[in-house]
Amino acid sequence: MASPLKTKPARRHGADTEIHRAKRGKNFAVLAALLGFVILIYIVAMIRMSGGTFP
């Protein structure tokens, strides 16, 4: 006797699982850290180029 096909249950469009929400949260945290680092490097570069005074 053949076993029934194993299919994934249908998901509603736009419904997120807990794993997807966790991954999205982690991705936003990495994005925020990266943007913070880029802004920090920009500010340090501006201070160095202006001779130590940054308005």
PDB file of N, CA and C in Angstrom:
ATOM      1  N   MET A   1       0.842  -1.174   0.000  1.00  0.00           N
ATOM      2  CA  MET A   1       0.000   0.000   0.000  1.00  0.00           C
ATOM      3  C   MET A   1       0.893   1.244   0.000  1.00  0.00           C
ATOM      4  N   ALA A   2       0.587   2.156  -0.852  1.00  0.00           N
ATOM      5  CA  ALA A   2       1.377   3.377  -0.967  1.00  0.00           C
ATOM      6  C   ALA A   2       1.014   4.344   0.149  1.00  0.00           C
ATOM      7  N   SER A   3       2.032   5.039   0.636  1.00  0.00           N
ATOM      8  CA  SER A   3       1.769   6.015   1.699  1.00  0.00           C
ATOM      9  C   SER A   3       1.209   7.296   1.087  1.00  0.00           C
ATOM     10  N   PRO A   4       0.372   7.984   1.816  1.00  0.00           N
ATOM     11  CA  PRO A   4      -0.184   9.235   1.271  1.00  0.00           C
ATOM     12  C   PRO A   4       0.923  10.272   1.090  1.00  0.00           C
ATOM     13  N   LEU A   5       0.729  11.140   0.137  1.00  0.00           N
ATOM     14  CA  LEU A   5       1.712  12.188  -0.124  1.00  0.00           C
ATOM     15  C   LEU A   5       1.817  13.122   1.082  1.00  0.00           C
ATOM     16  N   LYS A   6       3.036  13.417   1.435  1.00  0.00           N
ATOM     17  CA  LYS A   6       3.245  14.337   2.549  1.00  0.00           C
ATOM     18  C   LYS A   6       3.381  15.743   1.978  1.00  0.00           C
ATOM     19  N   THR A   7       2.401  16.542   2.240  1.00  0.00           N
ATOM     20  CA  THR A   7       2.434  17.916   1.763  1.00  0.00           C
ATOM     21  C   THR A   7       2.429  18.852   2.954  1.00  0.00           C
ATOM     22  N   LYS A   8       3.000  19.999   2.739  1.00  0.00           N
ATOM     23  CA  LYS A   8       2.996  21.016   3.790  1.00  0.00           C
ATOM     24  C   LYS A   8       1.608  21.624   3.874  1.00  0.00           C
ATOM     25  N   PRO A   9       1.166  21.972   5.068  1.00  0.00           N
ATOM     26  CA  PRO A   9      -0.137  22.617   5.171  1.00  0.00           C
ATOM     27  C   PRO A   9      -0.120  23.979   4.481  1.00  0.00           C
ATOM     28  N   ALA A  10      -1.212  24.322   3.873  1.00  0.00           N
ATOM     29  CA  ALA A  10      -1.309  25.594   3.163  1.00  0.00           C
ATOM     30  C   ALA A  10      -1.201  26.749   4.152  1.00  0.00           C
ATOM     31  N   ARG A  11      -0.425  27.766   3.797  1.00  0.00           N
ATOM     32  CA  ARG A  11      -0.291  28.959   4.633  1.00  0.00           C
ATOM     33  C   ARG A  11      -1.059  30.089   3.987  1.00  0.00           C
ATOM     34  N   ARG A  12      -1.667  30.893   4.834  1.00  0.00           N
ATOM     35  CA  ARG A  12      -2.336  32.080   4.307  1.00  0.00           C
ATOM     36  C   ARG A  12      -1.280  33.028   3.771  1.00  0.00           C
ATOM     37  N   HIS A  13      -1.645  33.762   2.753  1.00  0.00           N
ATOM     38  CA  HIS A  13      -0.729  34.756   2.197  1.00  0.00           C
ATOM     39  C   HIS A  13      -0.461  35.821   3.246  1.00  0.00           C
ATOM     40  N   GLY A  14       0.817  36.069   3.528  1.00  0.00           N
ATOM     41  CA  GLY A  14       1.177  37.090   4.496  1.00  0.00           C
ATOM     42  C   GLY A  14       1.308  36.569   5.912  1.00  0.00           C
ATOM     43  N   ALA A  15       0.951  35.314   6.149  1.00  0.00           N
ATOM     44  CA  ALA A  15       1.073  34.761   7.499  1.00  0.00           C
ATOM     45  C   ALA A  15       2.515  34.335   7.729  1.00  0.00           C
ATOM     46  N   ASP A  16       3.101  34.806   8.825  1.00  0.00           N
ATOM     47  CA  ASP A  16       4.486  34.475   9.135  1.00  0.00           C
ATOM     48  C   ASP A  16       4.551  33.430  10.226  1.00  0.00           C
ATOM     49  N   THR A  17       5.517  32.583  10.110  1.00  0.00           N
ATOM     50  CA  THR A  17       5.758  31.641  11.186  1.00  0.00           C
ATOM     51  C   THR A  17       6.690  32.306  12.197  1.00  0.00           C
ATOM     52  N   GLU A  18       6.821  31.695  13.338  1.00  0.00           N
ATOM     53  CA  GLU A  18       7.686  32.246  14.387  1.00  0.00           C
ATOM     54  C   GLU A  18       9.131  32.323  13.918  1.00  0.00           C
ATOM     55  N   ILE A  19       9.567  31.361  13.116  1.00  0.00           N
ATOM     56  CA  ILE A  19      10.952  31.348  12.616  1.00  0.00           C
ATOM     57  C   ILE A  19      11.189  32.549  11.705  1.00  0.00           C
ATOM     58  N   HIS A  20      10.229  32.839  10.825  1.00  0.00           N
ATOM     59  CA  HIS A  20      10.385  33.971   9.913  1.00  0.00           C
ATOM     60  C   HIS A  20      10.433  35.294  10.676  1.00  0.00           C
ATOM     61  N   ARG A  21       9.606  35.412  11.717  1.00  0.00           N
ATOM     62  CA  ARG A  21       9.630  36.637  12.522  1.00  0.00           C
ATOM     63  C   ARG A  21      10.960  36.798  13.229  1.00  0.00           C
ATOM     64  N   ALA A  22      11.509  35.715  13.734  1.00  0.00           N
ATOM     65  CA  ALA A  22      12.799  35.774  14.420  1.00  0.00           C
ATOM     66  C   ALA A  22      13.910  36.152  13.445  1.00  0.00           C
ATOM     67  N   LYS A  23      13.884  35.586  12.255  1.00  0.00           N
ATOM     68  CA  LYS A  23      14.899  35.917  11.248  1.00  0.00           C
ATOM     69  C   LYS A  23      14.793  37.376  10.834  1.00  0.00           C
ATOM     70  N   ARG A  24      13.556  37.867  10.673  1.00  0.00           N
ATOM     71  CA  ARG A  24      13.377  39.258  10.286  1.00  0.00           C
ATOM     72  C   ARG A  24      13.904  40.193  11.372  1.00  0.00           C
ATOM     73  N   GLY A  25      13.626  39.864  12.632  1.00  0.00           N
ATOM     74  CA  GLY A  25      14.131  40.674  13.731  1.00  0.00           C
ATOM     75  C   GLY A  25      15.643  40.694  13.773  1.00  0.00           C
ATOM     76  N   LYS A  26      16.244  39.537  13.525  1.00  0.00           N
ATOM     77  CA  LYS A  26      17.715  39.465  13.511  1.00  0.00           C
ATOM     78  C   LYS A  26      18.273  40.280  12.347  1.00  0.00           C
ATOM     79  N   ASN A  27      17.628  40.211  11.203  1.00  0.00           N
ATOM     80  CA  ASN A  27      18.083  40.974  10.037  1.00  0.00           C
ATOM     81  C   ASN A  27      18.006  42.478  10.302  1.00  0.00           C
ATOM     82  N   PHE A  28      16.932  42.934  10.957  1.00  0.00           N
ATOM     83  CA  PHE A  28      16.829  44.352  11.279  1.00  0.00           C
ATOM     84  C   PHE A  28      17.898  44.771  12.273  1.00  0.00           C
ATOM     85  N   ALA A  29      18.249  43.897  13.214  1.00  0.00           N
ATOM     86  CA  ALA A  29      19.307  44.207  14.174  1.00  0.00           C
ATOM     87  C   ALA A  29      20.650  44.328  13.472  1.00  0.00           C
ATOM     88  N   VAL A  30      20.924  43.440  12.522  1.00  0.00           N
ATOM     89  CA  VAL A  30      22.172  43.513  11.757  1.00  0.00           C
ATOM     90  C   VAL A  30      22.192  44.784  10.913  1.00  0.00           C
ATOM     91  N   LEU A  31      21.071  45.139  10.309  1.00  0.00           N
ATOM     92  CA  LEU A  31      20.977  46.367   9.520  1.00  0.00           C
ATOM     93  C   LEU A  31      21.255  47.594  10.390  1.00  0.00           C
ATOM     94  N   ALA A  32      20.669  47.643  11.572  1.00  0.00           N
ATOM     95  CA  ALA A  32      20.877  48.778  12.469  1.00  0.00           C
ATOM     96  C   ALA A  32      22.333  48.867  12.901  1.00  0.00           C
ATOM     97  N   ALA A  33      22.954  47.734  13.202  1.00  0.00           N
ATOM     98  CA  ALA A  33      24.365  47.734  13.600  1.00  0.00           C
ATOM     99  C   ALA A  33      25.249  48.199  12.454  1.00  0.00           C
ATOM    100  N   LEU A  34      24.959  47.750  11.251  1.00  0.00           N
ATOM    101  CA  LEU A  34      25.748  48.148  10.085  1.00  0.00           C
ATOM    102  C   LEU A  34      25.605  49.634   9.805  1.00  0.00           C
ATOM    103  N   LEU A  35      24.381  50.150   9.861  1.00  0.00           N
ATOM    104  CA  LEU A  35      24.178  51.583   9.637  1.00  0.00           C
ATOM    105  C   LEU A  35      24.861  52.414  10.721  1.00  0.00           C
ATOM    106  N   GLY A  36      24.792  51.957  11.956  1.00  0.00           N
ATOM    107  CA  GLY A  36      25.477  52.656  13.041  1.00  0.00           C
ATOM    108  C   GLY A  36      26.973  52.705  12.818  1.00  0.00           C
ATOM    109  N   PHE A  37      27.550  51.597  12.356  1.00  0.00           N
ATOM    110  CA  PHE A  37      28.985  51.548  12.082  1.00  0.00           C
ATOM    111  C   PHE A  37      29.358  52.499  10.952  1.00  0.00           C
ATOM    112  N   VAL A  38      28.560  52.515   9.889  1.00  0.00           N
ATOM    113  CA  VAL A  38      28.835  53.400   8.755  1.00  0.00           C
ATOM    114  C   VAL A  38      28.759  54.863   9.191  1.00  0.00           C
ATOM    115  N   ILE A  39      27.767  55.204   9.985  1.00  0.00           N
ATOM    116  CA  ILE A  39      27.640  56.584  10.477  1.00  0.00           C
ATOM    117  C   ILE A  39      28.830  56.944  11.365  1.00  0.00           C
ATOM    118  N   LEU A  40      29.261  56.028  12.214  1.00  0.00           N
ATOM    119  CA  LEU A  40      30.421  56.268  13.071  1.00  0.00           C
ATOM    120  C   LEU A  40      31.676  56.513  12.241  1.00  0.00           C
ATOM    121  N   ILE A  41      31.912  55.710  11.228  1.00  0.00           N
ATOM    122  CA  ILE A  41      33.079  55.885  10.359  1.00  0.00           C
ATOM    123  C   ILE A  41      32.996  57.228   9.632  1.00  0.00           C
ATOM    124  N   TYR A  42      31.807  57.613   9.182  1.00  0.00           N
ATOM    125  CA  TYR A  42      31.628  58.891   8.490  1.00  0.00           C
ATOM    126  C   TYR A  42      31.969  60.058   9.421  1.00  0.00           C
ATOM    127  N   ILE A  43      31.476  59.993  10.642  1.00  0.00           N
ATOM    128  CA  ILE A  43      31.736  61.086  11.594  1.00  0.00           C
ATOM    129  C   ILE A  43      33.223  61.172  11.916  1.00  0.00           C
ATOM    130  N   VAL A  44      33.861  60.031  12.137  1.00  0.00           N
ATOM    131  CA  VAL A  44      35.305  60.031  12.425  1.00  0.00           C
ATOM    132  C   VAL A  44      36.079  60.591  11.239  1.00  0.00           C
ATOM    133  N   ALA A  45      35.692  60.231  10.029  1.00  0.00           N
ATOM    134  CA  ALA A  45      36.375  60.751   8.834  1.00  0.00           C
ATOM    135  C   ALA A  45      36.200  62.265   8.726  1.00  0.00           C
ATOM    136  N   MET A  46      34.998  62.767   8.991  1.00  0.00           N
ATOM    137  CA  MET A  46      34.764  64.205   8.915  1.00  0.00           C
ATOM    138  C   MET A  46      35.592  64.950   9.973  1.00  0.00           C
ATOM    139  N   ILE A  47      35.703  64.397  11.169  1.00  0.00           N
ATOM    140  CA  ILE A  47      36.496  65.029  12.218  1.00  0.00           C
ATOM    141  C   ILE A  47      37.966  65.063  11.832  1.00  0.00           C
ATOM    142  N   ARG A  48      38.455  63.961  11.301  1.00  0.00           N
ATOM    143  CA  ARG A  48      39.876  63.905  10.909  1.00  0.00           C
ATOM    144  C   ARG A  48      40.160  64.878   9.767  1.00  0.00           C
ATOM    145  N   MET A  49      39.263  65.000   8.794  1.00  0.00           N
ATOM    146  CA  MET A  49      39.504  65.879   7.653  1.00  0.00           C
ATOM    147  C   MET A  49      39.359  67.342   8.023  1.00  0.00           C
ATOM    148  N   SER A  50      38.592  67.630   9.059  1.00  0.00           N
ATOM    149  CA  SER A  50      38.394  69.030   9.420  1.00  0.00           C
ATOM    150  C   SER A  50      39.453  69.516  10.423  1.00  0.00           C
ATOM    151  N   GLY A  51      40.391  68.684  10.759  1.00  0.00           N
ATOM    152  CA  GLY A  51      41.459  69.099  11.659  1.00  0.00           C
ATOM    153  C   GLY A  51      41.074  69.011  13.116  1.00  0.00           C
ATOM    154  N   GLY A  52      40.090  68.239  13.452  1.00  0.00           N
ATOM    155  CA  GLY A  52      39.730  68.038  14.850  1.00  0.00           C
ATOM    156  C   GLY A  52      38.539  68.832  15.310  1.00  0.00           C
ATOM    157  N   THR A  53      37.993  69.687  14.477  1.00  0.00           N
ATOM    158  CA  THR A  53      36.793  70.450  14.860  1.00  0.00           C
ATOM    159  C   THR A  53      35.656  70.059  13.933  1.00  0.00           C
ATOM    160  N   PHE A  54      34.601  69.596  14.502  1.00  0.00           N
ATOM    161  CA  PHE A  54      33.434  69.189  13.707  1.00  0.00           C
ATOM    162  C   PHE A  54      32.221  69.933  14.270  1.00  0.00           C
ATOM    163  N   PRO A  55      31.591  70.760  13.443  1.00  0.00           N
ATOM    164  CA  PRO A  55      30.480  71.563  13.947  1.00  0.00           C
ATOM    165  C   PRO A  55      29.316  70.786  14.447  1.00  0.00           C
TER     166      PRO A  55
END
